[in-house]
Amino acid sequence: MQFLSVAFVALSSLFCVYGLAPSAIEARQAPDNIVLINSANSFCLILPRDPHTNIGDSERPGGEKTYCSTSARKSSQQGPLPDQFWRQVAYKTGKGKNGKGYAQLTGCIRPGLVDRLNANDAGGQYDSDGGTNGKGNPVGSKCIGYKHYVELVEPAGPRACIRCCNDAADCPVITDTKGCPNVIPGNYFDCSI
């Protein structure tokens, strides 16, 4: 009985920290295996766990980890992202192809501020529905408050994009080699400057 009480308190704390209803989170999610989009200044992304790692090389069990902006970081298991990670960023919410909601961030990044990234890396994709047997990359990762997500990090761009959505049709995972603008339409400014 005491175990159930402790478990309830732990789950309640998580719901309060992220402002969630119990149906929005699954038990298998660890704080270092989530993404989050609250605003242009409050977000969590998946990035390589180890320093100076190409995105593609991190796409293996244990190779990825959640990194969050100062305002979104709620656990010591999540790495910190500097407040200047985005050089220019656009936050957008809306309704997708079938009328279900999404939130996204698109824009230019400063890969040199994050020791996990290699500035010359063409990048890669993390998502909730791709990977082996459609279990996600990293496996079991989720976007808090949504059913699906797709994230591309392209340090050589230097750009990144992430979309969390309630309809898988709005978070395509099979076009990652075409880059951010093709996977997640949005404002990418002129990142090459």
N, C-alpha and C. Protein backbone atom coordinates (compact mmCIF):
# COMPACT_ATOMS: atom_id res chain seq x y z
N MET A 1 0.82 -1.19 0.00
CA MET A 1 0.00 0.00 0.00
C MET A 1 0.87 1.25 0.00
N GLN A 2 1.98 1.22 0.75
CA GLN A 2 2.85 2.38 0.80
C GLN A 2 3.47 2.64 -0.58
N PHE A 3 3.80 1.56 -1.33
CA PHE A 3 4.35 1.72 -2.68
C PHE A 3 3.36 2.45 -3.57
N LEU A 4 2.10 2.08 -3.52
CA LEU A 4 1.09 2.75 -4.34
C LEU A 4 0.97 4.22 -3.99
N SER A 5 1.07 4.52 -2.72
CA SER A 5 0.99 5.91 -2.28
C SER A 5 2.17 6.71 -2.82
N VAL A 6 3.37 6.14 -2.75
CA VAL A 6 4.57 6.81 -3.27
C VAL A 6 4.45 6.98 -4.78
N ALA A 7 3.99 5.96 -5.49
CA ALA A 7 3.82 6.03 -6.94
C ALA A 7 2.81 7.12 -7.31
N PHE A 8 1.73 7.21 -6.57
CA PHE A 8 0.72 8.23 -6.85
C PHE A 8 1.30 9.63 -6.67
N VAL A 9 2.06 9.83 -5.60
CA VAL A 9 2.68 11.12 -5.35
C VAL A 9 3.66 11.47 -6.46
N ALA A 10 4.46 10.49 -6.90
CA ALA A 10 5.43 10.73 -7.97
C ALA A 10 4.73 11.12 -9.27
N LEU A 11 3.69 10.39 -9.63
CA LEU A 11 2.95 10.71 -10.85
C LEU A 11 2.25 12.06 -10.73
N SER A 12 1.68 12.33 -9.58
CA SER A 12 1.02 13.62 -9.37
C SER A 12 2.01 14.77 -9.54
N SER A 13 3.22 14.58 -9.02
CA SER A 13 4.24 15.61 -9.16
C SER A 13 4.58 15.85 -10.62
N LEU A 14 4.71 14.78 -11.40
CA LEU A 14 5.02 14.91 -12.81
C LEU A 14 3.90 15.65 -13.54
N PHE A 15 2.66 15.33 -13.21
CA PHE A 15 1.53 15.99 -13.85
C PHE A 15 1.52 17.47 -13.50
N CYS A 16 1.85 17.80 -12.26
CA CYS A 16 1.87 19.20 -11.85
C CYS A 16 3.01 19.95 -12.53
N VAL A 17 4.18 19.32 -12.62
CA VAL A 17 5.34 19.96 -13.22
C VAL A 17 5.07 20.31 -14.68
N TYR A 18 4.46 19.38 -15.42
CA TYR A 18 4.21 19.61 -16.84
C TYR A 18 2.78 20.01 -17.13
N GLY A 19 1.93 20.13 -16.11
CA GLY A 19 0.55 20.56 -16.31
C GLY A 19 -0.26 19.58 -17.14
N LEU A 20 -0.12 18.29 -16.86
CA LEU A 20 -0.74 17.26 -17.68
C LEU A 20 -1.87 16.53 -16.98
N ALA A 21 -2.77 16.02 -17.77
CA ALA A 21 -3.76 15.07 -17.29
C ALA A 21 -3.12 13.69 -17.38
N PRO A 22 -3.50 12.72 -16.56
CA PRO A 22 -2.88 11.41 -16.56
C PRO A 22 -2.86 10.73 -17.93
N SER A 23 -3.83 10.97 -18.79
CA SER A 23 -3.87 10.30 -20.08
C SER A 23 -2.79 10.81 -21.03
N ALA A 24 -2.13 11.92 -20.71
CA ALA A 24 -1.15 12.52 -21.61
C ALA A 24 0.24 11.92 -21.48
N ILE A 25 0.45 11.02 -20.53
CA ILE A 25 1.78 10.46 -20.33
C ILE A 25 1.68 8.96 -20.14
N GLU A 26 2.71 8.26 -20.57
CA GLU A 26 2.75 6.82 -20.41
C GLU A 26 3.83 6.46 -19.40
N ALA A 27 3.63 5.37 -18.69
CA ALA A 27 4.54 4.96 -17.64
C ALA A 27 5.96 4.71 -18.16
N ARG A 28 6.11 4.31 -19.42
CA ARG A 28 7.43 3.96 -19.94
C ARG A 28 8.31 5.18 -20.20
N GLN A 29 7.75 6.36 -20.16
CA GLN A 29 8.50 7.56 -20.46
C GLN A 29 9.39 7.97 -19.30
N ALA A 30 10.64 8.17 -19.61
CA ALA A 30 11.58 8.69 -18.63
C ALA A 30 11.81 10.16 -18.94
N PRO A 31 12.18 10.96 -17.96
CA PRO A 31 12.40 12.39 -18.20
C PRO A 31 13.45 12.67 -19.28
N ASP A 32 14.35 11.71 -19.52
CA ASP A 32 15.37 11.92 -20.54
C ASP A 32 14.99 11.31 -21.88
N ASN A 33 13.67 11.03 -22.07
CA ASN A 33 13.20 10.42 -23.31
C ASN A 33 11.90 11.10 -23.79
N ILE A 34 11.84 12.41 -23.60
CA ILE A 34 10.66 13.16 -24.00
C ILE A 34 11.08 14.40 -24.79
N VAL A 35 10.12 14.94 -25.54
CA VAL A 35 10.27 16.28 -26.11
C VAL A 35 9.07 17.09 -25.63
N LEU A 36 9.18 18.40 -25.76
CA LEU A 36 8.15 19.28 -25.24
C LEU A 36 8.19 20.60 -26.01
N ILE A 37 7.02 21.13 -26.36
CA ILE A 37 6.95 22.46 -26.96
C ILE A 37 5.87 23.24 -26.22
N ASN A 38 6.30 24.20 -25.40
CA ASN A 38 5.38 25.12 -24.74
C ASN A 38 5.37 26.48 -25.44
N SER A 39 6.56 26.89 -25.91
CA SER A 39 6.73 28.19 -26.56
C SER A 39 8.11 28.21 -27.20
N ALA A 40 8.46 29.33 -27.82
CA ALA A 40 9.79 29.49 -28.41
C ALA A 40 10.88 29.49 -27.35
N ASN A 41 10.53 29.75 -26.11
CA ASN A 41 11.51 29.79 -25.02
C ASN A 41 11.39 28.66 -24.03
N SER A 42 10.41 27.80 -24.20
CA SER A 42 10.17 26.70 -23.27
C SER A 42 9.95 25.43 -24.08
N PHE A 43 11.01 24.60 -24.16
CA PHE A 43 10.97 23.42 -25.03
C PHE A 43 12.02 22.40 -24.59
N CYS A 44 11.84 21.17 -25.02
CA CYS A 44 12.82 20.11 -24.85
C CYS A 44 12.99 19.40 -26.19
N LEU A 45 14.23 19.05 -26.50
CA LEU A 45 14.56 18.35 -27.73
C LEU A 45 15.34 17.09 -27.40
N ILE A 46 15.38 16.16 -28.32
CA ILE A 46 16.28 15.02 -28.23
C ILE A 46 17.56 15.41 -28.96
N LEU A 47 18.71 15.14 -28.34
CA LEU A 47 20.01 15.38 -28.95
C LEU A 47 20.93 14.22 -28.60
N PRO A 48 22.10 14.13 -29.23
CA PRO A 48 23.02 13.05 -28.87
C PRO A 48 23.40 13.12 -27.38
N ARG A 49 23.48 11.96 -26.77
CA ARG A 49 23.85 11.88 -25.35
C ARG A 49 25.34 12.21 -25.16
N ASP A 50 26.17 11.78 -26.11
CA ASP A 50 27.62 11.96 -25.98
C ASP A 50 28.09 13.21 -26.72
N PRO A 51 29.14 13.85 -26.21
CA PRO A 51 29.66 15.06 -26.86
C PRO A 51 30.18 14.79 -28.28
N HIS A 52 30.06 15.80 -29.12
CA HIS A 52 30.63 15.81 -30.47
C HIS A 52 30.23 14.57 -31.27
N THR A 53 28.93 14.30 -31.31
CA THR A 53 28.40 13.13 -31.99
C THR A 53 27.49 13.56 -33.14
N ASN A 54 27.67 12.96 -34.30
CA ASN A 54 26.76 13.21 -35.41
C ASN A 54 25.39 12.65 -35.06
N ILE A 55 24.35 13.32 -35.53
CA ILE A 55 22.98 12.88 -35.23
C ILE A 55 22.79 11.43 -35.63
N GLY A 56 23.18 11.06 -36.83
CA GLY A 56 23.01 9.69 -37.30
C GLY A 56 23.72 8.67 -36.43
N ASP A 57 24.89 9.02 -35.90
CA ASP A 57 25.63 8.11 -35.02
C ASP A 57 24.97 7.95 -33.67
N SER A 58 24.14 8.91 -33.27
CA SER A 58 23.46 8.83 -31.97
C SER A 58 22.19 7.98 -32.04
N GLU A 59 21.76 7.66 -33.25
CA GLU A 59 20.51 6.93 -33.44
C GLU A 59 20.72 5.44 -33.16
N ARG A 60 20.92 5.15 -31.88
CA ARG A 60 21.14 3.79 -31.39
C ARG A 60 20.66 3.75 -29.95
N PRO A 61 20.36 2.57 -29.44
CA PRO A 61 19.90 2.50 -28.04
C PRO A 61 20.89 3.17 -27.09
N GLY A 62 20.37 4.11 -26.30
CA GLY A 62 21.19 4.81 -25.33
C GLY A 62 21.99 5.97 -25.89
N GLY A 63 21.87 6.23 -27.19
CA GLY A 63 22.66 7.28 -27.82
C GLY A 63 22.04 8.66 -27.76
N GLU A 64 20.78 8.76 -27.31
CA GLU A 64 20.08 10.03 -27.30
C GLU A 64 19.64 10.40 -25.89
N LYS A 65 19.34 11.70 -25.72
CA LYS A 65 18.91 12.18 -24.40
C LYS A 65 18.13 13.48 -24.59
N THR A 66 17.24 13.77 -23.68
CA THR A 66 16.48 15.01 -23.69
C THR A 66 17.33 16.17 -23.17
N TYR A 67 17.29 17.27 -23.90
CA TYR A 67 17.93 18.53 -23.50
C TYR A 67 16.86 19.61 -23.54
N CYS A 68 16.80 20.44 -22.51
CA CYS A 68 15.72 21.42 -22.38
C CYS A 68 16.22 22.83 -22.17
N SER A 69 15.39 23.78 -22.58
CA SER A 69 15.63 25.19 -22.25
C SER A 69 15.51 25.34 -20.74
N THR A 70 16.04 26.42 -20.24
CA THR A 70 16.03 26.66 -18.80
C THR A 70 14.63 26.56 -18.21
N SER A 71 13.64 27.17 -18.86
CA SER A 71 12.28 27.20 -18.31
C SER A 71 11.55 25.86 -18.43
N ALA A 72 11.99 24.99 -19.31
CA ALA A 72 11.30 23.69 -19.49
C ALA A 72 11.98 22.55 -18.75
N ARG A 73 13.21 22.72 -18.33
CA ARG A 73 13.97 21.64 -17.68
C ARG A 73 13.42 21.40 -16.28
N LYS A 74 12.93 20.18 -16.06
CA LYS A 74 12.29 19.83 -14.79
C LYS A 74 12.95 18.66 -14.07
N SER A 75 14.03 18.10 -14.66
CA SER A 75 14.67 16.94 -14.07
C SER A 75 16.17 17.01 -14.29
N SER A 76 16.92 16.52 -13.32
CA SER A 76 18.38 16.47 -13.48
C SER A 76 18.79 15.44 -14.53
N GLN A 77 17.85 14.58 -14.94
CA GLN A 77 18.13 13.61 -16.00
C GLN A 77 18.09 14.26 -17.38
N GLN A 78 17.61 15.50 -17.45
CA GLN A 78 17.55 16.24 -18.70
C GLN A 78 18.75 17.17 -18.78
N GLY A 79 19.38 17.21 -19.94
CA GLY A 79 20.51 18.11 -20.12
C GLY A 79 20.03 19.54 -20.34
N PRO A 80 20.89 20.52 -20.04
CA PRO A 80 20.52 21.92 -20.25
C PRO A 80 20.87 22.40 -21.66
N LEU A 81 19.98 23.20 -22.23
CA LEU A 81 20.27 23.89 -23.49
C LEU A 81 20.47 25.37 -23.16
N PRO A 82 21.45 26.02 -23.78
CA PRO A 82 21.64 27.44 -23.52
C PRO A 82 20.46 28.24 -24.06
N ASP A 83 20.15 29.34 -23.41
CA ASP A 83 19.03 30.17 -23.84
C ASP A 83 19.22 30.71 -25.25
N GLN A 84 20.45 30.76 -25.74
CA GLN A 84 20.73 31.27 -27.08
C GLN A 84 20.83 30.16 -28.13
N PHE A 85 20.34 28.95 -27.81
CA PHE A 85 20.42 27.82 -28.76
C PHE A 85 19.81 28.19 -30.11
N TRP A 86 18.63 28.79 -30.10
CA TRP A 86 18.00 29.24 -31.35
C TRP A 86 18.53 30.63 -31.68
N ARG A 87 19.07 30.80 -32.87
CA ARG A 87 19.46 32.14 -33.33
C ARG A 87 18.22 32.90 -33.77
N GLN A 88 17.34 32.21 -34.48
CA GLN A 88 16.02 32.72 -34.86
C GLN A 88 15.08 31.53 -34.80
N VAL A 89 13.90 31.73 -34.23
CA VAL A 89 12.96 30.62 -34.09
C VAL A 89 11.53 31.13 -34.27
N ALA A 90 10.73 30.29 -34.89
CA ALA A 90 9.30 30.58 -35.05
C ALA A 90 8.51 29.50 -34.34
N TYR A 91 7.61 29.92 -33.46
CA TYR A 91 6.70 29.02 -32.75
C TYR A 91 5.34 29.13 -33.41
N LYS A 92 4.72 27.99 -33.68
CA LYS A 92 3.43 27.99 -34.35
C LYS A 92 2.57 26.85 -33.82
N THR A 93 1.29 27.12 -33.65
CA THR A 93 0.32 26.08 -33.34
C THR A 93 -0.76 26.14 -34.41
N GLY A 94 -1.48 25.05 -34.56
CA GLY A 94 -2.54 25.06 -35.55
C GLY A 94 -3.25 23.72 -35.62
N LYS A 95 -4.06 23.59 -36.65
CA LYS A 95 -4.78 22.35 -36.95
C LYS A 95 -4.16 21.74 -38.19
N GLY A 96 -3.97 20.44 -38.16
CA GLY A 96 -3.32 19.74 -39.26
C GLY A 96 -4.27 19.27 -40.34
N LYS A 97 -3.80 18.33 -41.14
CA LYS A 97 -4.53 17.82 -42.30
C LYS A 97 -5.93 17.31 -41.97
N ASN A 98 -6.09 16.70 -40.82
CA ASN A 98 -7.38 16.12 -40.43
C ASN A 98 -8.02 16.87 -39.27
N GLY A 99 -7.58 18.11 -39.05
CA GLY A 99 -8.19 18.96 -38.04
C GLY A 99 -7.69 18.78 -36.62
N LYS A 100 -6.66 17.96 -36.43
CA LYS A 100 -6.12 17.76 -35.08
C LYS A 100 -4.96 18.73 -34.83
N GLY A 101 -4.74 19.05 -33.57
CA GLY A 101 -3.78 20.08 -33.20
C GLY A 101 -2.32 19.68 -33.31
N TYR A 102 -1.49 20.70 -33.50
CA TYR A 102 -0.04 20.53 -33.49
C TYR A 102 0.62 21.80 -32.95
N ALA A 103 1.87 21.64 -32.54
CA ALA A 103 2.73 22.77 -32.15
C ALA A 103 4.09 22.51 -32.77
N GLN A 104 4.76 23.57 -33.19
CA GLN A 104 6.07 23.36 -33.82
C GLN A 104 7.01 24.53 -33.56
N LEU A 105 8.30 24.21 -33.68
CA LEU A 105 9.37 25.20 -33.67
C LEU A 105 10.20 24.98 -34.92
N THR A 106 10.51 26.04 -35.64
CA THR A 106 11.36 25.96 -36.82
C THR A 106 12.32 27.14 -36.79
N GLY A 107 13.54 26.91 -37.28
CA GLY A 107 14.44 28.04 -37.34
C GLY A 107 15.91 27.69 -37.37
N CYS A 108 16.71 28.70 -37.06
CA CYS A 108 18.17 28.62 -37.13
C CYS A 108 18.75 28.38 -35.74
N ILE A 109 19.74 27.50 -35.67
CA ILE A 109 20.36 27.17 -34.38
C ILE A 109 21.82 27.59 -34.35
N ARG A 110 22.37 27.58 -33.16
CA ARG A 110 23.79 27.83 -32.94
C ARG A 110 24.43 26.54 -32.43
N PRO A 111 24.82 25.63 -33.35
CA PRO A 111 25.34 24.33 -32.91
C PRO A 111 26.62 24.43 -32.08
N GLY A 112 27.39 25.49 -32.25
CA GLY A 112 28.62 25.65 -31.48
C GLY A 112 28.40 25.85 -30.00
N LEU A 113 27.16 26.18 -29.60
CA LEU A 113 26.87 26.38 -28.17
C LEU A 113 26.53 25.07 -27.45
N VAL A 114 26.38 23.99 -28.21
CA VAL A 114 25.99 22.71 -27.62
C VAL A 114 27.07 21.68 -27.94
N ASP A 115 27.78 21.23 -26.92
CA ASP A 115 28.91 20.33 -27.16
C ASP A 115 28.50 18.95 -27.68
N ARG A 116 27.22 18.66 -27.72
CA ARG A 116 26.74 17.37 -28.23
C ARG A 116 26.78 17.31 -29.76
N LEU A 117 26.82 18.48 -30.39
CA LEU A 117 26.68 18.57 -31.84
C LEU A 117 28.01 18.81 -32.53
N ASN A 118 28.10 18.34 -33.77
CA ASN A 118 29.21 18.65 -34.66
C ASN A 118 28.70 19.64 -35.69
N ALA A 119 29.32 20.79 -35.79
CA ALA A 119 28.83 21.86 -36.66
C ALA A 119 28.77 21.46 -38.13
N ASN A 120 29.57 20.50 -38.57
CA ASN A 120 29.58 20.09 -39.98
C ASN A 120 28.66 18.92 -40.28
N ASP A 121 27.94 18.45 -39.29
CA ASP A 121 27.03 17.30 -39.46
C ASP A 121 25.80 17.72 -40.26
N ALA A 122 25.48 16.99 -41.32
CA ALA A 122 24.28 17.27 -42.12
C ALA A 122 23.00 17.01 -41.32
N GLY A 123 23.10 16.20 -40.28
CA GLY A 123 21.97 16.02 -39.37
C GLY A 123 21.23 14.72 -39.52
N GLY A 124 20.07 14.67 -38.85
CA GLY A 124 19.24 13.48 -38.84
C GLY A 124 17.95 13.75 -38.10
N GLN A 125 17.22 12.67 -37.87
CA GLN A 125 15.85 12.79 -37.35
C GLN A 125 15.64 11.94 -36.11
N TYR A 126 14.87 12.47 -35.18
CA TYR A 126 14.34 11.74 -34.04
C TYR A 126 12.82 11.81 -34.14
N ASP A 127 12.14 10.77 -33.65
CA ASP A 127 10.68 10.77 -33.79
C ASP A 127 10.04 9.73 -32.88
N SER A 128 8.72 9.81 -32.79
CA SER A 128 7.97 8.89 -31.93
C SER A 128 7.49 7.64 -32.65
N ASP A 129 7.48 7.66 -33.98
CA ASP A 129 6.85 6.56 -34.72
C ASP A 129 7.75 5.86 -35.73
N GLY A 130 8.99 6.30 -35.88
CA GLY A 130 9.90 5.66 -36.82
C GLY A 130 10.73 4.60 -36.13
N GLY A 131 11.93 4.41 -36.62
CA GLY A 131 12.82 3.43 -36.01
C GLY A 131 12.35 2.00 -36.22
N THR A 132 13.00 1.08 -35.56
CA THR A 132 12.68 -0.33 -35.69
C THR A 132 11.25 -0.61 -35.25
N ASN A 133 10.48 -1.22 -36.12
CA ASN A 133 9.09 -1.61 -35.86
C ASN A 133 8.20 -0.42 -35.47
N GLY A 134 8.57 0.79 -35.88
CA GLY A 134 7.75 1.97 -35.61
C GLY A 134 7.64 2.32 -34.14
N LYS A 135 8.65 1.95 -33.35
CA LYS A 135 8.60 2.22 -31.90
C LYS A 135 9.29 3.51 -31.49
N GLY A 136 9.73 4.27 -32.49
CA GLY A 136 10.34 5.55 -32.19
C GLY A 136 11.85 5.52 -32.21
N ASN A 137 12.42 6.68 -32.34
CA ASN A 137 13.86 6.85 -32.32
C ASN A 137 14.15 8.16 -31.59
N PRO A 138 14.45 8.06 -30.28
CA PRO A 138 14.68 6.88 -29.47
C PRO A 138 13.39 6.09 -29.16
N VAL A 139 13.57 4.81 -28.92
CA VAL A 139 12.45 3.92 -28.64
C VAL A 139 11.64 4.45 -27.46
N GLY A 140 10.33 4.54 -27.66
CA GLY A 140 9.42 4.94 -26.60
C GLY A 140 9.36 6.43 -26.33
N SER A 141 10.07 7.24 -27.09
CA SER A 141 10.05 8.69 -26.84
C SER A 141 8.69 9.27 -27.24
N LYS A 142 8.30 10.30 -26.52
CA LYS A 142 6.99 10.94 -26.74
C LYS A 142 7.12 12.44 -26.57
N CYS A 143 6.18 13.16 -27.16
CA CYS A 143 6.05 14.59 -26.93
C CYS A 143 4.98 14.78 -25.87
N ILE A 144 5.32 15.48 -24.82
CA ILE A 144 4.38 15.71 -23.72
C ILE A 144 3.16 16.47 -24.24
N GLY A 145 1.98 15.88 -24.02
CA GLY A 145 0.72 16.51 -24.42
C GLY A 145 0.24 16.17 -25.82
N TYR A 146 1.04 15.39 -26.57
CA TYR A 146 0.68 15.01 -27.93
C TYR A 146 0.93 13.52 -28.14
N LYS A 147 0.39 12.98 -29.22
CA LYS A 147 0.54 11.55 -29.51
C LYS A 147 1.76 11.22 -30.36
N HIS A 148 2.25 12.20 -31.13
CA HIS A 148 3.35 11.95 -32.06
C HIS A 148 4.29 13.15 -32.10
N TYR A 149 5.50 12.92 -32.59
CA TYR A 149 6.40 14.03 -32.88
C TYR A 149 7.42 13.63 -33.93
N VAL A 150 7.97 14.63 -34.60
CA VAL A 150 9.10 14.46 -35.50
C VAL A 150 10.03 15.64 -35.28
N GLU A 151 11.33 15.38 -35.21
CA GLU A 151 12.34 16.41 -34.94
C GLU A 151 13.53 16.17 -35.86
N LEU A 152 13.97 17.20 -36.53
CA LEU A 152 15.20 17.13 -37.32
C LEU A 152 16.17 18.16 -36.78
N VAL A 153 17.43 17.76 -36.65
CA VAL A 153 18.49 18.67 -36.23
C VAL A 153 19.54 18.61 -37.34
N GLU A 154 19.83 19.77 -37.93
CA GLU A 154 20.74 19.87 -39.06
C GLU A 154 21.83 20.90 -38.75
N PRO A 155 22.84 20.52 -37.94
CA PRO A 155 23.85 21.47 -37.51
C PRO A 155 24.54 22.22 -38.66
N ALA A 156 24.80 21.55 -39.78
CA ALA A 156 25.47 22.20 -40.90
C ALA A 156 24.56 23.23 -41.58
N GLY A 157 23.25 23.18 -41.31
CA GLY A 157 22.26 24.07 -41.93
C GLY A 157 22.43 25.54 -41.68
N PRO A 158 22.70 26.04 -40.53
CA PRO A 158 22.45 25.39 -39.23
C PRO A 158 21.00 25.61 -38.81
N ARG A 159 20.20 24.57 -38.86
CA ARG A 159 18.78 24.72 -38.54
C ARG A 159 18.26 23.48 -37.82
N ALA A 160 17.06 23.64 -37.26
CA ALA A 160 16.38 22.54 -36.59
C ALA A 160 14.88 22.78 -36.71
N CYS A 161 14.14 21.71 -36.49
CA CYS A 161 12.69 21.80 -36.51
C CYS A 161 12.12 20.67 -35.68
N ILE A 162 11.00 20.94 -35.06
CA ILE A 162 10.29 19.92 -34.30
C ILE A 162 8.81 20.22 -34.38
N ARG A 163 8.02 19.17 -34.56
CA ARG A 163 6.56 19.30 -34.53
C ARG A 163 6.00 18.19 -33.67
N CYS A 164 5.14 18.57 -32.74
CA CYS A 164 4.37 17.62 -31.95
C CYS A 164 2.95 17.69 -32.47
N CYS A 165 2.31 16.53 -32.62
CA CYS A 165 0.99 16.52 -33.24
C CYS A 165 0.13 15.38 -32.69
N ASN A 166 -1.17 15.53 -32.88
CA ASN A 166 -2.11 14.50 -32.44
C ASN A 166 -2.52 13.57 -33.56
N ASP A 167 -2.07 13.83 -34.78
CA ASP A 167 -2.36 12.99 -35.94
C ASP A 167 -1.03 12.66 -36.61
N ALA A 168 -0.74 11.39 -36.75
CA ALA A 168 0.53 10.97 -37.34
C ALA A 168 0.74 11.55 -38.74
N ALA A 169 -0.33 11.85 -39.44
CA ALA A 169 -0.21 12.43 -40.78
C ALA A 169 0.47 13.79 -40.76
N ASP A 170 0.44 14.47 -39.62
CA ASP A 170 1.06 15.79 -39.50
C ASP A 170 2.51 15.72 -39.03
N CYS A 171 2.98 14.51 -38.71
CA CYS A 171 4.36 14.30 -38.26
C CYS A 171 5.00 13.18 -39.09
N PRO A 172 5.25 13.43 -40.38
CA PRO A 172 5.78 12.37 -41.25
C PRO A 172 7.20 11.96 -40.84
N VAL A 173 7.44 10.66 -40.82
CA VAL A 173 8.75 10.17 -40.42
C VAL A 173 9.53 9.52 -41.57
N ILE A 174 8.99 9.55 -42.77
CA ILE A 174 9.65 8.85 -43.88
C ILE A 174 10.32 9.79 -44.88
N THR A 175 10.33 11.09 -44.61
CA THR A 175 10.95 12.04 -45.55
C THR A 175 12.12 12.78 -44.92
N ASP A 176 12.76 12.18 -43.93
CA ASP A 176 13.81 12.87 -43.18
C ASP A 176 15.00 13.31 -44.02
N THR A 177 15.31 12.60 -45.08
CA THR A 177 16.47 12.97 -45.89
C THR A 177 16.21 14.22 -46.74
N LYS A 178 14.98 14.68 -46.77
CA LYS A 178 14.64 15.88 -47.55
C LYS A 178 14.82 17.17 -46.75
N GLY A 179 15.07 17.07 -45.46
CA GLY A 179 15.36 18.24 -44.64
C GLY A 179 14.15 18.90 -44.02
N CYS A 180 14.44 19.78 -43.06
CA CYS A 180 13.40 20.45 -42.28
C CYS A 180 12.27 21.06 -43.11
N PRO A 181 12.54 21.92 -44.10
CA PRO A 181 11.43 22.58 -44.80
C PRO A 181 10.45 21.62 -45.47
N ASN A 182 10.93 20.44 -45.87
CA ASN A 182 10.05 19.46 -46.51
C ASN A 182 9.26 18.64 -45.50
N VAL A 183 9.83 18.42 -44.33
CA VAL A 183 9.16 17.61 -43.31
C VAL A 183 8.20 18.48 -42.50
N ILE A 184 8.66 19.66 -42.10
CA ILE A 184 7.86 20.57 -41.28
C ILE A 184 7.87 21.95 -41.95
N PRO A 185 6.89 22.24 -42.78
CA PRO A 185 6.84 23.57 -43.39
C PRO A 185 6.75 24.65 -42.31
N GLY A 186 7.49 25.72 -42.51
CA GLY A 186 7.48 26.80 -41.53
C GLY A 186 8.49 27.86 -41.90
N ASN A 187 8.78 28.76 -40.98
CA ASN A 187 9.72 29.84 -41.20
C ASN A 187 11.13 29.38 -40.83
N TYR A 188 12.02 29.39 -41.79
CA TYR A 188 13.41 29.02 -41.56
C TYR A 188 14.36 30.20 -41.75
N PHE A 189 13.77 31.41 -41.87
CA PHE A 189 14.58 32.62 -41.98
C PHE A 189 15.63 32.42 -43.07
N ASP A 190 16.85 32.83 -42.87
CA ASP A 190 17.96 32.51 -43.77
C ASP A 190 19.09 32.03 -42.88
N CYS A 191 19.07 30.75 -42.59
CA CYS A 191 20.01 30.18 -41.62
C CYS A 191 21.46 30.19 -42.10
N SER A 192 21.68 30.30 -43.41
CA SER A 192 23.04 30.24 -43.92
C SER A 192 23.85 31.50 -43.66
N ILE A 193 23.19 32.56 -43.22
CA ILE A 193 23.91 33.83 -42.97
C ILE A 193 24.71 33.72 -41.69
